[in-house]
């Protein structure tokens, strides 16, 4: 007997339970609520991006030279840098990776949400 067969004999895979209609509808409602929240967050981010203007920030005038993330204005590159460096100091490489990949993944996530919304609105 191979190791994988013996392992499955000791710990057989869990059987997946089929969801009832009530559970499926509850899951759908939860997913819809999450989608709405994500859409609101995206709209808020879009609002900031649409009002973006090129600037030449000056240290100690436009932003503090040092301090915690909360001391920096939200949705600014300075705050993102402080967040990234704070995670680096703490050795939180997972959060650093998330921050690096955020925009790429966010674009993919938005596309999938929009596809789902189009599909569901046709069905409902």
C-alpha atoms as a PDB file:
ATOM      1  CA  UNK A   1       0.000   0.000   0.000  1.00  0.00           C
ATOM      2  CA  UNK A   2       1.192   3.475  -0.836  1.00  0.00           C
ATOM      3  CA  UNK A   3       1.439   6.241   1.729  1.00  0.00           C
ATOM      4  CA  UNK A   4      -1.358   8.287   0.156  1.00  0.00           C
ATOM      5  CA  UNK A   5      -3.751   5.321   0.266  1.00  0.00           C
ATOM      6  CA  UNK A   6      -2.925   4.642   3.918  1.00  0.00           C
ATOM      7  CA  UNK A   7      -3.356   8.320   4.747  1.00  0.00           C
ATOM      8  CA  UNK A   8      -6.823   8.369   3.147  1.00  0.00           C
ATOM      9  CA  UNK A   9      -7.750   5.255   5.101  1.00  0.00           C
ATOM     10  CA  UNK A  10      -6.788   6.967   8.386  1.00  0.00           C
ATOM     11  CA  UNK A  11      -8.315  10.344   7.481  1.00  0.00           C
ATOM     12  CA  UNK A  12     -10.928   9.821   4.785  1.00  0.00           C
ATOM     13  CA  UNK A  13     -11.943  12.941   2.862  1.00  0.00           C
ATOM     14  CA  UNK A  14     -14.944  14.705   4.364  1.00  0.00           C
ATOM     15  CA  UNK A  15     -18.172  14.300   2.492  1.00  0.00           C
ATOM     16  CA  UNK A  16     -19.519  17.518   1.100  1.00  0.00           C
ATOM     17  CA  UNK A  17     -23.042  18.291   2.180  1.00  0.00           C
ATOM     18  CA  UNK A  18     -25.392  19.494  -0.527  1.00  0.00           C
ATOM     19  CA  UNK A  19     -26.866  22.864   0.345  1.00  0.00           C
ATOM     20  CA  UNK A  20     -30.594  23.231   0.771  1.00  0.00           C
ATOM     21  CA  UNK A  21     -32.470  25.848  -1.216  1.00  0.00           C
ATOM     22  CA  UNK A  22     -32.665  28.018   1.908  1.00  0.00           C
ATOM     23  CA  UNK A  23     -28.892  27.759   2.446  1.00  0.00           C
ATOM     24  CA  UNK A  24     -28.200  28.475  -1.222  1.00  0.00           C
ATOM     25  CA  UNK A  25     -30.411  31.573  -1.125  1.00  0.00           C
ATOM     26  CA  UNK A  26     -28.742  32.688   2.101  1.00  0.00           C
ATOM     27  CA  UNK A  27     -25.316  32.268   0.469  1.00  0.00           C
ATOM     28  CA  UNK A  28     -26.522  34.201  -2.569  1.00  0.00           C
ATOM     29  CA  UNK A  29     -27.780  37.039  -0.351  1.00  0.00           C
ATOM     30  CA  UNK A  30     -24.469  37.115   1.531  1.00  0.00           C
ATOM     31  CA  UNK A  31     -22.523  37.223  -1.744  1.00  0.00           C
ATOM     32  CA  UNK A  32     -24.795  39.993  -3.028  1.00  0.00           C
ATOM     33  CA  UNK A  33     -24.278  42.005   0.165  1.00  0.00           C
ATOM     34  CA  UNK A  34     -20.502  41.587  -0.121  1.00  0.00           C
ATOM     35  CA  UNK A  35     -20.687  42.661  -3.755  1.00  0.00           C
ATOM     36  CA  UNK A  36     -22.645  45.805  -2.839  1.00  0.00           C
ATOM     37  CA  UNK A  37     -20.106  46.681  -0.149  1.00  0.00           C
ATOM     38  CA  UNK A  38     -17.221  46.143  -2.577  1.00  0.00           C
ATOM     39  CA  UNK A  39     -19.015  48.255  -5.181  1.00  0.00           C
ATOM     40  CA  UNK A  40     -19.408  51.096  -2.637  1.00  0.00           C
ATOM     41  CA  UNK A  41     -15.712  50.885  -1.748  1.00  0.00           C
ATOM     42  CA  UNK A  42     -14.814  50.914  -5.443  1.00  0.00           C
ATOM     43  CA  UNK A  43     -17.030  53.979  -5.993  1.00  0.00           C
ATOM     44  CA  UNK A  44     -15.281  55.758  -3.117  1.00  0.00           C
ATOM     45  CA  UNK A  45     -11.876  54.913  -4.564  1.00  0.00           C
ATOM     46  CA  UNK A  46     -13.033  56.037  -8.018  1.00  0.00           C
ATOM     47  CA  UNK A  47     -14.178  59.337  -6.520  1.00  0.00           C
ATOM     48  CA  UNK A  48     -10.694  59.963  -5.168  1.00  0.00           C
ATOM     49  CA  UNK A  49      -9.058  58.847  -8.403  1.00  0.00           C
ATOM     50  CA  UNK A  50     -11.295  61.096 -10.517  1.00  0.00           C
ATOM     51  CA  UNK A  51     -10.326  64.113  -8.415  1.00  0.00           C
ATOM     52  CA  UNK A  52      -6.626  63.322  -8.546  1.00  0.00           C
ATOM     53  CA  UNK A  53      -4.355  66.184  -9.457  1.00  0.00           C
ATOM     54  CA  UNK A  54      -0.646  66.158  -9.998  1.00  0.00           C
ATOM     55  CA  UNK A  55       1.172  67.675  -7.049  1.00  0.00           C
ATOM     56  CA  UNK A  56       4.632  68.329  -5.781  1.00  0.00           C
ATOM     57  CA  UNK A  57       4.362  67.431  -2.090  1.00  0.00           C
ATOM     58  CA  UNK A  58       6.832  68.941   0.333  1.00  0.00           C
ATOM     59  CA  UNK A  59       7.971  67.133   3.474  1.00  0.00           C
ATOM     60  CA  UNK A  60       6.708  68.612   6.765  1.00  0.00           C
ATOM     61  CA  UNK A  61       4.257  70.801   4.821  1.00  0.00           C
ATOM     62  CA  UNK A  62       2.052  68.370   2.895  1.00  0.00           C
ATOM     63  CA  UNK A  63       2.820  65.292   4.990  1.00  0.00           C
ATOM     64  CA  UNK A  64       4.769  64.445   8.144  1.00  0.00           C
ATOM     65  CA  UNK A  65       8.306  63.148   7.762  1.00  0.00           C
ATOM     66  CA  UNK A  66       7.697  60.448  10.345  1.00  0.00           C
ATOM     67  CA  UNK A  67       4.806  58.929  12.204  1.00  0.00           C
ATOM     68  CA  UNK A  68       2.277  56.141  12.093  1.00  0.00           C
ATOM     69  CA  UNK A  69       0.099  55.326   9.116  1.00  0.00           C
ATOM     70  CA  UNK A  70      -2.872  57.117  10.698  1.00  0.00           C
ATOM     71  CA  UNK A  71      -1.027  60.467  10.582  1.00  0.00           C
ATOM     72  CA  UNK A  72      -1.001  60.373   6.784  1.00  0.00           C
ATOM     73  CA  UNK A  73      -3.951  61.285   4.572  1.00  0.00           C
ATOM     74  CA  UNK A  74      -5.929  58.318   3.249  1.00  0.00           C
ATOM     75  CA  UNK A  75      -5.581  57.327  -0.407  1.00  0.00           C
ATOM     76  CA  UNK A  76      -2.168  58.955  -0.792  1.00  0.00           C
ATOM     77  CA  UNK A  77       1.063  57.363  -1.996  1.00  0.00           C
ATOM     78  CA  UNK A  78       2.761  58.526   1.207  1.00  0.00           C
ATOM     79  CA  UNK A  79       0.351  56.529   3.353  1.00  0.00           C
ATOM     80  CA  UNK A  80       0.789  53.455   1.155  1.00  0.00           C
ATOM     81  CA  UNK A  81       4.569  53.706   1.502  1.00  0.00           C
ATOM     82  CA  UNK A  82       4.336  54.047   5.296  1.00  0.00           C
ATOM     83  CA  UNK A  83       2.000  51.038   5.427  1.00  0.00           C
ATOM     84  CA  UNK A  84       4.387  49.009   3.269  1.00  0.00           C
ATOM     85  CA  UNK A  85       7.442  49.950   5.340  1.00  0.00           C
ATOM     86  CA  UNK A  86       5.624  49.299   8.626  1.00  0.00           C
ATOM     87  CA  UNK A  87       4.745  45.814   7.419  1.00  0.00           C
ATOM     88  CA  UNK A  88       8.373  45.321   6.386  1.00  0.00           C
ATOM     89  CA  UNK A  89       9.605  46.347   9.856  1.00  0.00           C
ATOM     90  CA  UNK A  90       7.177  43.901  11.457  1.00  0.00           C
ATOM     91  CA  UNK A  91       8.208  41.142   9.050  1.00  0.00           C
ATOM     92  CA  UNK A  92       4.655  40.956   7.750  1.00  0.00           C
ATOM     93  CA  UNK A  93       5.593  39.889   4.242  1.00  0.00           C
ATOM     94  CA  UNK A  94       2.117  38.543   3.516  1.00  0.00           C
ATOM     95  CA  UNK A  95       0.612  42.015   3.858  1.00  0.00           C
ATOM     96  CA  UNK A  96       3.412  43.437   1.721  1.00  0.00           C
ATOM     97  CA  UNK A  97       2.624  40.921  -1.012  1.00  0.00           C
ATOM     98  CA  UNK A  98      -1.080  41.754  -0.788  1.00  0.00           C
ATOM     99  CA  UNK A  99      -0.318  45.450  -1.133  1.00  0.00           C
ATOM    100  CA  UNK A 100       1.924  44.872  -4.152  1.00  0.00           C
ATOM    101  CA  UNK A 101      -0.684  42.702  -5.894  1.00  0.00           C
ATOM    102  CA  UNK A 102      -3.711  44.754  -4.767  1.00  0.00           C
ATOM    103  CA  UNK A 103      -4.394  46.695  -7.935  1.00  0.00           C
ATOM    104  CA  UNK A 104      -3.919  43.759 -10.282  1.00  0.00           C
ATOM    105  CA  UNK A 105      -6.138  41.496  -8.192  1.00  0.00           C
ATOM    106  CA  UNK A 106      -8.679  44.258  -7.639  1.00  0.00           C
ATOM    107  CA  UNK A 107      -9.077  44.704 -11.385  1.00  0.00           C
ATOM    108  CA  UNK A 108      -9.628  40.976 -11.869  1.00  0.00           C
ATOM    109  CA  UNK A 109     -12.090  40.892  -8.939  1.00  0.00           C
ATOM    110  CA  UNK A 110     -14.047  43.846 -10.329  1.00  0.00           C
ATOM    111  CA  UNK A 111     -14.294  42.177 -13.738  1.00  0.00           C
ATOM    112  CA  UNK A 112     -15.599  38.949 -12.182  1.00  0.00           C
ATOM    113  CA  UNK A 113     -18.137  40.878 -10.095  1.00  0.00           C
ATOM    114  CA  UNK A 114     -19.423  42.709 -13.143  1.00  0.00           C
ATOM    115  CA  UNK A 115     -19.723  39.446 -15.087  1.00  0.00           C
ATOM    116  CA  UNK A 116     -21.641  37.877 -12.181  1.00  0.00           C
ATOM    117  CA  UNK A 117     -23.926  40.881 -11.895  1.00  0.00           C
ATOM    118  CA  UNK A 118     -24.767  40.749 -15.621  1.00  0.00           C
ATOM    119  CA  UNK A 119     -25.429  37.018 -15.416  1.00  0.00           C
ATOM    120  CA  UNK A 120     -27.625  37.280 -12.316  1.00  0.00           C
ATOM    121  CA  UNK A 121     -29.651  40.250 -13.557  1.00  0.00           C
ATOM    122  CA  UNK A 122     -30.530  38.277 -16.689  1.00  0.00           C
ATOM    123  CA  UNK A 123     -31.686  35.338 -14.542  1.00  0.00           C
ATOM    124  CA  UNK A 124     -33.700  37.232 -11.920  1.00  0.00           C
END
